[in-house]
Amino acid sequence: MNRPSRILILGASYGSLLGIKLVMAGHRVTLVCLPQEVELINREGIRVRLPLKGREGLVELRSQDASGQLRAAGPAEVIPADYELVALAMQEPQYRSPGVRDLLQAVAKSRVPCMSIMNMPPLPYLARLPGVDATACRGAYTDPTVWDGFDPACMTLCSPDPQAFRPPEEALNVLQVRLPTNFKVAGFPSEMHTGLLRRLQADIEAIRHTVDGEAVELPVKLKVHDSVFVPLAKWAMLLAGNYRCVTAQGVRSIREAVHTDLQAAREVYDWICALCKSLGAAEADLVPFEKYAAAAQGLASPSSAARALYAGAPHIERVDRLVQAIAAQRGLRHPAVDEVVALVDAQLERNRAAQK
């Protein structure tokens, strides 16, 4: 392995999935999180459970057993310039919160390369997409001004395909993976920055974990791609599945959203793939609908966005609204996407009214 890299991850829930792989690969990771999470993680580490192909049950990975180092800290306790890479793993609305916003501004000022594993692409990444007017997309963001200090050349994006959740009956340092796919990340304009990603990819590939006396490969890897469009493959999945968990009758699972009317889900999926191709994506950058539909069979819970929406959240990530805005720039629209946006808008309005 190369020398250990110092990596800062904003967000300890989904961020724990990337974090556990990095510390198992020997790197030094700091997770920025809430005070109660900081105390627990610094005392007990993180535990990530994931399925292995061909084996029953789940394998538990513990940061305290890893060769690297992991610590947790509050937003005011870290200096971004001390790190070689910053990973953004919070939900997009969280970046406007006190403390986190200040840290994000410090990250932008430091010019340390940033890799987002958010569903919602950071605004500076949109500026790297040919044919997209990022300014016209600002209305899809909870507070677009938090991104204004970033140089787009220092921002890249993963397609956060792995699905994970915190089991509600467990402590806050436990994460469970239900779909162990890969993080597919676009390279940076800088060869030096992309070289760091490729080193991390190789180190994660080399991890072996002992299960029942056998050294096995672990799923959920980092895959570096040249195309800036590869992370956009998640958009079709989100609009055909995650956001269609929201219906006029209430919430439903991702599996139901896709498989109750498979043809309707396919139409939305194919339309968004066509939108991505109109921007410059190649067929190879995207995921075939059949592969996604097969994976959705195992997603028996509503999406995190739908769960938050029906739990009363006043803001959620609006990839639905972002896709609608980018399509409008191309003179395109789809009634099913418009319907989803209207349903989410209406529920958010109810949630905000209830908090007044």
Protein backbone atom coordinates (compact mmCIF):
# COMPACT_ATOMS: atom_id res chain seq x y z
CA MET A 1 0.00 0.00 0.00
CA ASN A 2 1.02 3.62 -0.53
CA ARG A 3 1.56 5.81 2.50
CA PRO A 4 -1.64 6.44 4.46
CA SER A 5 -3.71 9.37 3.19
CA ARG A 6 -5.62 11.74 5.47
CA ILE A 7 -9.29 11.90 4.46
CA LEU A 8 -12.07 14.02 5.92
CA ILE A 9 -15.66 12.74 5.59
CA LEU A 10 -18.57 15.07 6.32
CA GLY A 11 -21.36 12.84 7.64
CA ALA A 12 -21.12 9.69 9.76
CA SER A 13 -24.17 7.78 8.56
CA TYR A 14 -23.63 7.01 4.86
CA GLY A 15 -20.08 8.29 5.31
CA SER A 16 -19.34 5.27 7.52
CA LEU A 17 -19.57 3.00 4.47
CA LEU A 18 -16.79 4.84 2.66
CA GLY A 19 -14.98 5.35 5.96
CA ILE A 20 -14.80 1.67 6.89
CA LYS A 21 -13.32 0.76 3.49
CA LEU A 22 -10.69 3.49 3.78
CA VAL A 23 -9.54 2.54 7.28
CA MET A 24 -9.46 -1.14 6.30
CA ALA A 25 -7.17 -0.03 3.47
CA GLY A 26 -4.88 1.59 6.03
CA HIS A 27 -5.84 5.26 5.69
CA ARG A 28 -6.53 7.91 8.34
CA VAL A 29 -10.14 9.04 8.36
CA THR A 30 -11.93 11.77 10.31
CA LEU A 31 -15.74 11.66 10.38
CA VAL A 32 -17.51 14.98 11.03
CA CYS A 33 -20.73 14.33 12.89
CA LEU A 34 -23.09 15.28 15.73
CA PRO A 35 -21.83 15.48 19.35
CA GLN A 36 -23.53 12.25 20.46
CA GLU A 37 -22.03 10.46 17.45
CA VAL A 38 -18.57 11.88 18.14
CA GLU A 39 -18.52 10.51 21.67
CA LEU A 40 -19.82 7.07 20.70
CA ILE A 41 -17.58 6.63 17.64
CA ASN A 42 -14.44 7.75 19.46
CA ARG A 43 -15.22 5.27 22.22
CA GLU A 44 -16.39 2.25 20.21
CA GLY A 45 -15.53 2.92 16.55
CA ILE A 46 -17.97 2.19 13.73
CA ARG A 47 -19.51 -1.11 12.71
CA VAL A 48 -20.68 -1.78 9.17
CA ARG A 49 -22.64 -4.92 8.27
CA LEU A 50 -22.86 -6.08 4.68
CA PRO A 51 -23.90 -9.17 2.73
CA LEU A 52 -21.34 -11.34 0.92
CA LYS A 53 -22.30 -13.14 -2.27
CA GLY A 54 -22.83 -16.85 -1.69
CA ARG A 55 -22.87 -16.57 2.12
CA GLU A 56 -25.74 -16.50 4.58
CA GLY A 57 -26.24 -13.55 6.88
CA LEU A 58 -24.14 -10.41 7.21
CA VAL A 59 -20.44 -9.82 7.83
CA GLU A 60 -19.62 -7.12 10.37
CA LEU A 61 -16.63 -4.86 9.77
CA ARG A 62 -15.24 -2.95 12.77
CA SER A 63 -13.08 0.13 12.47
CA GLN A 64 -11.30 -0.79 15.71
CA ASP A 65 -9.97 -3.92 13.99
CA ALA A 66 -8.73 -2.02 10.91
CA SER A 67 -5.13 -1.19 10.08
CA GLY A 68 -5.96 2.48 9.53
CA GLN A 69 -7.14 5.09 12.00
CA LEU A 70 -10.61 6.54 12.46
CA ARG A 71 -11.76 9.35 14.68
CA ALA A 72 -14.88 11.49 14.91
CA ALA A 73 -15.00 15.25 15.40
CA GLY A 74 -17.38 18.18 15.38
CA PRO A 75 -17.38 20.70 12.51
CA ALA A 76 -15.37 23.27 14.48
CA GLU A 77 -12.65 20.75 15.41
CA VAL A 78 -11.17 20.12 11.95
CA ILE A 79 -8.96 22.12 9.60
CA PRO A 80 -9.65 21.11 5.97
CA ALA A 81 -6.14 22.03 4.81
CA ASP A 82 -4.79 19.20 7.00
CA TYR A 83 -6.39 16.64 4.64
CA GLU A 84 -5.71 15.34 1.14
CA LEU A 85 -9.33 14.62 0.22
CA VAL A 86 -12.72 15.71 1.56
CA ALA A 87 -15.75 13.42 1.03
CA LEU A 88 -19.22 14.96 1.22
CA ALA A 89 -21.62 12.40 2.68
CA MET A 90 -24.38 14.47 4.30
CA GLN A 91 -27.83 15.09 2.86
CA GLU A 92 -27.79 18.30 0.82
CA PRO A 93 -30.03 20.34 3.20
CA GLN A 94 -27.61 19.72 6.09
CA TYR A 95 -24.87 21.87 4.57
CA ARG A 96 -26.75 25.05 5.49
CA SER A 97 -26.84 24.20 9.21
CA PRO A 98 -24.75 26.24 11.68
CA GLY A 99 -21.20 24.96 11.99
CA VAL A 100 -21.44 22.73 8.93
CA ARG A 101 -21.87 25.74 6.65
CA ASP A 102 -18.76 27.35 8.16
CA LEU A 103 -16.79 24.14 7.66
CA LEU A 104 -17.95 23.89 4.04
CA GLN A 105 -16.73 27.43 3.41
CA ALA A 106 -13.36 26.49 4.89
CA VAL A 107 -13.23 23.43 2.62
CA ALA A 108 -13.90 25.62 -0.42
CA LYS A 109 -11.22 28.11 0.64
CA SER A 110 -8.64 25.32 1.23
CA ARG A 111 -9.01 24.04 -2.38
CA VAL A 112 -8.57 20.48 -1.09
CA PRO A 113 -10.17 18.16 -3.69
CA CYS A 114 -13.73 17.15 -2.77
CA MET A 115 -15.55 13.94 -3.69
CA SER A 116 -19.30 13.95 -3.15
CA ILE A 117 -21.18 10.74 -2.35
CA MET A 118 -24.47 12.65 -2.10
CA ASN A 119 -27.46 11.80 -4.27
CA MET A 120 -27.73 15.52 -5.00
CA PRO A 121 -24.70 16.65 -7.02
CA PRO A 122 -23.04 19.73 -5.49
CA LEU A 123 -23.68 22.79 -7.63
CA PRO A 124 -19.97 23.20 -8.59
CA TYR A 125 -20.03 19.75 -10.17
CA LEU A 126 -22.85 20.78 -12.50
CA ALA A 127 -20.51 23.45 -13.85
CA ARG A 128 -18.27 20.61 -15.12
CA LEU A 129 -21.08 19.16 -17.27
CA PRO A 130 -21.06 20.40 -20.87
CA GLY A 131 -24.35 21.96 -21.88
CA VAL A 132 -25.68 22.42 -18.33
CA ASP A 133 -26.39 25.94 -17.03
CA ALA A 134 -25.64 25.49 -13.33
CA THR A 135 -27.05 28.94 -12.51
CA ALA A 136 -30.47 27.89 -13.82
CA CYS A 137 -30.41 24.90 -11.41
CA ARG A 138 -29.99 26.89 -8.19
CA GLY A 139 -33.70 26.67 -7.36
CA ALA A 140 -33.36 22.91 -6.80
CA TYR A 141 -31.04 23.47 -3.82
CA THR A 142 -32.05 24.18 -0.22
CA ASP A 143 -29.47 26.99 -0.04
CA PRO A 144 -27.37 27.28 -3.21
CA THR A 145 -25.15 29.99 -1.70
CA VAL A 146 -23.26 27.41 0.42
CA TRP A 147 -21.58 26.20 -2.80
CA ASP A 148 -20.55 29.59 -4.18
CA GLY A 149 -16.96 29.52 -2.91
CA PHE A 150 -15.97 26.28 -4.67
CA ASP A 151 -13.80 25.93 -7.73
CA PRO A 152 -15.52 23.31 -9.96
CA ALA A 153 -12.06 21.88 -10.76
CA CYS A 154 -11.79 20.80 -7.11
CA MET A 155 -15.15 18.98 -7.05
CA THR A 156 -16.06 15.53 -8.28
CA LEU A 157 -19.02 13.22 -7.85
CA CYS A 158 -19.70 9.55 -7.12
CA SER A 159 -22.78 7.68 -8.19
CA PRO A 160 -23.82 6.54 -4.68
CA ASP A 161 -25.27 3.22 -5.81
CA PRO A 162 -24.68 1.26 -2.57
CA GLN A 163 -27.82 1.26 -0.40
CA ALA A 164 -27.35 1.42 3.37
CA PHE A 165 -29.30 2.40 6.48
CA ARG A 166 -28.91 2.72 10.22
CA PRO A 167 -30.99 -0.03 11.88
CA PRO A 168 -33.37 1.89 14.16
CA GLU A 169 -32.93 -0.58 17.01
CA GLU A 170 -29.13 -0.26 16.96
CA ALA A 171 -26.66 2.34 18.23
CA LEU A 172 -25.72 5.32 16.03
CA ASN A 173 -22.35 3.78 15.12
CA VAL A 174 -23.94 0.83 13.26
CA LEU A 175 -24.64 0.92 9.51
CA GLN A 176 -26.22 -1.92 7.52
CA VAL A 177 -25.74 -2.33 3.76
CA ARG A 178 -28.59 -3.85 1.79
CA LEU A 179 -27.29 -3.32 -1.74
CA PRO A 180 -23.46 -3.72 -1.82
CA THR A 181 -22.69 -2.13 -5.20
CA ASN A 182 -19.78 0.18 -6.05
CA PHE A 183 -19.11 3.89 -5.75
CA LYS A 184 -18.46 5.03 -9.34
CA VAL A 185 -16.53 8.29 -9.29
CA ALA A 186 -15.59 10.69 -12.07
CA GLY A 187 -11.98 11.84 -12.14
CA PHE A 188 -10.89 15.41 -11.48
CA PRO A 189 -9.53 17.73 -14.16
CA SER A 190 -6.21 17.48 -12.29
CA GLU A 191 -4.19 14.33 -12.94
CA MET A 192 -2.68 14.66 -9.46
CA HIS A 193 -6.09 14.68 -7.79
CA THR A 194 -7.33 11.81 -9.95
CA GLY A 195 -4.15 9.91 -9.10
CA LEU A 196 -5.15 10.02 -5.44
CA LEU A 197 -8.53 8.50 -6.31
CA ARG A 198 -6.83 5.74 -8.29
CA ARG A 199 -4.54 4.96 -5.34
CA LEU A 200 -7.54 4.73 -3.04
CA GLN A 201 -9.28 2.49 -5.59
CA ALA A 202 -6.30 0.12 -5.66
CA ASP A 203 -5.99 0.06 -1.86
CA ILE A 204 -9.69 -0.76 -1.42
CA GLU A 205 -9.45 -3.46 -4.12
CA ALA A 206 -6.62 -5.10 -2.15
CA ILE A 207 -8.61 -5.46 1.09
CA ARG A 208 -9.15 -9.03 2.26
CA HIS A 209 -11.27 -9.89 5.30
CA THR A 210 -11.16 -13.17 7.17
CA VAL A 211 -14.52 -14.94 7.36
CA ASP A 212 -14.67 -18.46 8.84
CA GLY A 213 -10.90 -18.75 8.43
CA GLU A 214 -10.94 -17.72 4.76
CA ALA A 215 -9.58 -14.43 3.37
CA VAL A 216 -12.34 -13.00 1.17
CA GLU A 217 -12.83 -9.96 -1.06
CA LEU A 218 -15.37 -7.44 0.13
CA PRO A 219 -18.01 -5.72 -2.01
CA VAL A 220 -18.51 -1.94 -2.23
CA LYS A 221 -15.43 -0.66 -4.03
CA LEU A 222 -14.36 2.67 -5.48
CA LYS A 223 -14.24 2.71 -9.28
CA VAL A 224 -12.64 5.71 -11.01
CA HIS A 225 -13.97 6.71 -14.45
CA ASP A 226 -12.82 9.25 -17.02
CA SER A 227 -16.34 10.34 -17.97
CA VAL A 228 -17.99 13.14 -15.98
CA PHE A 229 -21.33 11.57 -16.86
CA VAL A 230 -20.88 8.22 -15.07
CA PRO A 231 -22.24 9.51 -11.72
CA LEU A 232 -25.39 10.72 -13.50
CA ALA A 233 -26.45 7.08 -13.90
CA LYS A 234 -28.01 7.39 -10.44
CA TRP A 235 -30.54 9.97 -11.66
CA ALA A 236 -32.61 7.43 -13.59
CA MET A 237 -32.66 5.12 -10.54
CA LEU A 238 -33.74 7.93 -8.23
CA LEU A 239 -36.55 9.17 -10.47
CA ALA A 240 -37.84 5.71 -11.47
CA GLY A 241 -37.65 4.34 -7.92
CA ASN A 242 -36.73 6.52 -4.94
CA TYR A 243 -38.88 9.57 -5.69
CA ARG A 244 -41.76 7.47 -7.01
CA CYS A 245 -42.07 6.06 -3.47
CA VAL A 246 -44.07 9.29 -2.97
CA THR A 247 -47.65 8.87 -4.20
CA ALA A 248 -50.96 10.66 -3.77
CA GLN A 249 -52.00 7.75 -1.54
CA GLY A 250 -48.88 7.91 0.66
CA VAL A 251 -45.48 6.24 0.83
CA ARG A 252 -44.45 2.91 -0.73
CA SER A 253 -41.26 0.86 -1.03
CA ILE A 254 -38.72 1.24 -3.85
CA ARG A 255 -39.61 -2.28 -4.97
CA GLU A 256 -43.29 -1.31 -5.26
CA ALA A 257 -42.42 1.95 -7.02
CA VAL A 258 -40.55 0.02 -9.71
CA HIS A 259 -42.45 -3.25 -9.98
CA THR A 260 -46.10 -2.28 -9.39
CA ASP A 261 -46.06 -0.87 -12.94
CA LEU A 262 -42.78 -1.94 -14.48
CA GLN A 263 -43.52 -0.29 -17.82
CA ALA A 264 -44.18 3.09 -16.19
CA ALA A 265 -40.91 2.82 -14.25
CA ARG A 266 -39.06 1.86 -17.45
CA GLU A 267 -40.47 4.88 -19.33
CA VAL A 268 -39.20 7.30 -16.67
CA TYR A 269 -35.85 5.49 -16.48
CA ASP A 270 -35.32 5.47 -20.25
CA TRP A 271 -36.36 9.13 -20.56
CA ILE A 272 -33.75 10.22 -18.02
CA CYS A 273 -31.09 8.07 -19.69
CA ALA A 274 -31.96 9.82 -22.97
CA LEU A 275 -31.62 13.19 -21.19
CA CYS A 276 -28.14 12.19 -19.94
CA LYS A 277 -27.17 11.13 -23.46
CA SER A 278 -28.35 14.48 -24.82
CA LEU A 279 -25.84 16.10 -22.45
CA GLY A 280 -23.03 13.88 -23.74
CA ALA A 281 -23.22 10.63 -21.77
CA ALA A 282 -22.35 7.41 -23.58
CA GLU A 283 -24.39 4.21 -23.33
CA ALA A 284 -21.55 2.67 -21.30
CA ASP A 285 -21.81 5.46 -18.71
CA LEU A 286 -25.33 4.37 -17.78
CA VAL A 287 -26.89 1.31 -16.14
CA PRO A 288 -29.38 -0.85 -18.11
CA PHE A 289 -32.92 -0.73 -16.73
CA GLU A 290 -33.01 -4.53 -16.36
CA LYS A 291 -30.05 -4.45 -14.00
CA TYR A 292 -31.63 -1.72 -11.90
CA ALA A 293 -35.03 -3.44 -11.83
CA ALA A 294 -33.41 -6.65 -10.59
CA ALA A 295 -31.63 -4.76 -7.80
CA ALA A 296 -34.88 -2.98 -6.86
CA GLN A 297 -36.44 -6.36 -6.06
CA GLY A 298 -34.35 -6.35 -2.88
CA LEU A 299 -35.32 -2.81 -1.81
CA ALA A 300 -38.36 -3.49 0.36
CA SER A 301 -38.31 -0.16 2.22
CA PRO A 302 -39.21 3.35 1.08
CA SER A 303 -36.32 5.58 0.01
CA SER A 304 -34.63 7.79 2.61
CA ALA A 305 -36.05 10.87 0.84
CA ALA A 306 -39.60 9.51 1.06
CA ARG A 307 -39.17 8.47 4.69
CA ALA A 308 -37.89 11.94 5.61
CA LEU A 309 -40.70 13.60 3.68
CA TYR A 310 -43.42 11.67 5.49
CA ALA A 311 -41.63 12.12 8.83
CA GLY A 312 -42.21 15.86 8.52
CA ALA A 313 -38.88 17.11 7.12
CA PRO A 314 -39.12 20.72 5.87
CA HIS A 315 -36.34 20.10 3.31
CA ILE A 316 -35.06 17.03 1.44
CA GLU A 317 -32.66 16.52 -1.45
CA ARG A 318 -34.47 17.52 -4.66
CA VAL A 319 -32.86 15.49 -7.44
CA ASP A 320 -36.37 15.34 -8.91
CA ARG A 321 -36.48 19.11 -9.23
CA LEU A 322 -32.87 19.23 -10.50
CA VAL A 323 -33.57 16.73 -13.30
CA GLN A 324 -36.72 18.66 -14.21
CA ALA A 325 -34.70 21.90 -14.43
CA ILE A 326 -31.92 20.37 -16.56
CA ALA A 327 -34.50 18.79 -18.88
CA ALA A 328 -36.19 22.19 -19.27
CA GLN A 329 -32.85 23.60 -20.50
CA ARG A 330 -33.05 21.03 -23.32
CA GLY A 331 -36.71 21.80 -24.04
CA LEU A 332 -37.78 18.46 -22.54
CA ARG A 333 -40.34 17.41 -19.94
CA HIS A 334 -42.02 14.20 -18.77
CA PRO A 335 -45.46 14.08 -17.09
CA ALA A 336 -44.37 11.46 -14.54
CA VAL A 337 -41.42 13.62 -13.45
CA ASP A 338 -43.68 16.69 -13.25
CA GLU A 339 -46.11 14.68 -11.12
CA VAL A 340 -43.37 13.59 -8.70
CA VAL A 341 -42.11 17.17 -8.34
CA ALA A 342 -45.65 18.40 -7.63
CA LEU A 343 -46.27 15.66 -5.03
CA VAL A 344 -43.00 16.37 -3.21
CA ASP A 345 -43.61 20.14 -3.36
CA ALA A 346 -47.06 19.69 -1.82
CA GLN A 347 -45.87 17.45 1.01
CA LEU A 348 -42.99 19.81 1.83
CA GLU A 349 -45.45 22.71 1.99
CA ARG A 350 -47.58 20.73 4.46
CA ASN A 351 -44.50 19.88 6.52
CA ARG A 352 -43.38 23.52 6.67
CA ALA A 353 -46.87 24.76 7.54
CA ALA A 354 -47.05 22.24 10.41
CA GLN A 355 -43.82 23.67 11.88
CA LYS A 356 -45.04 27.29 11.95
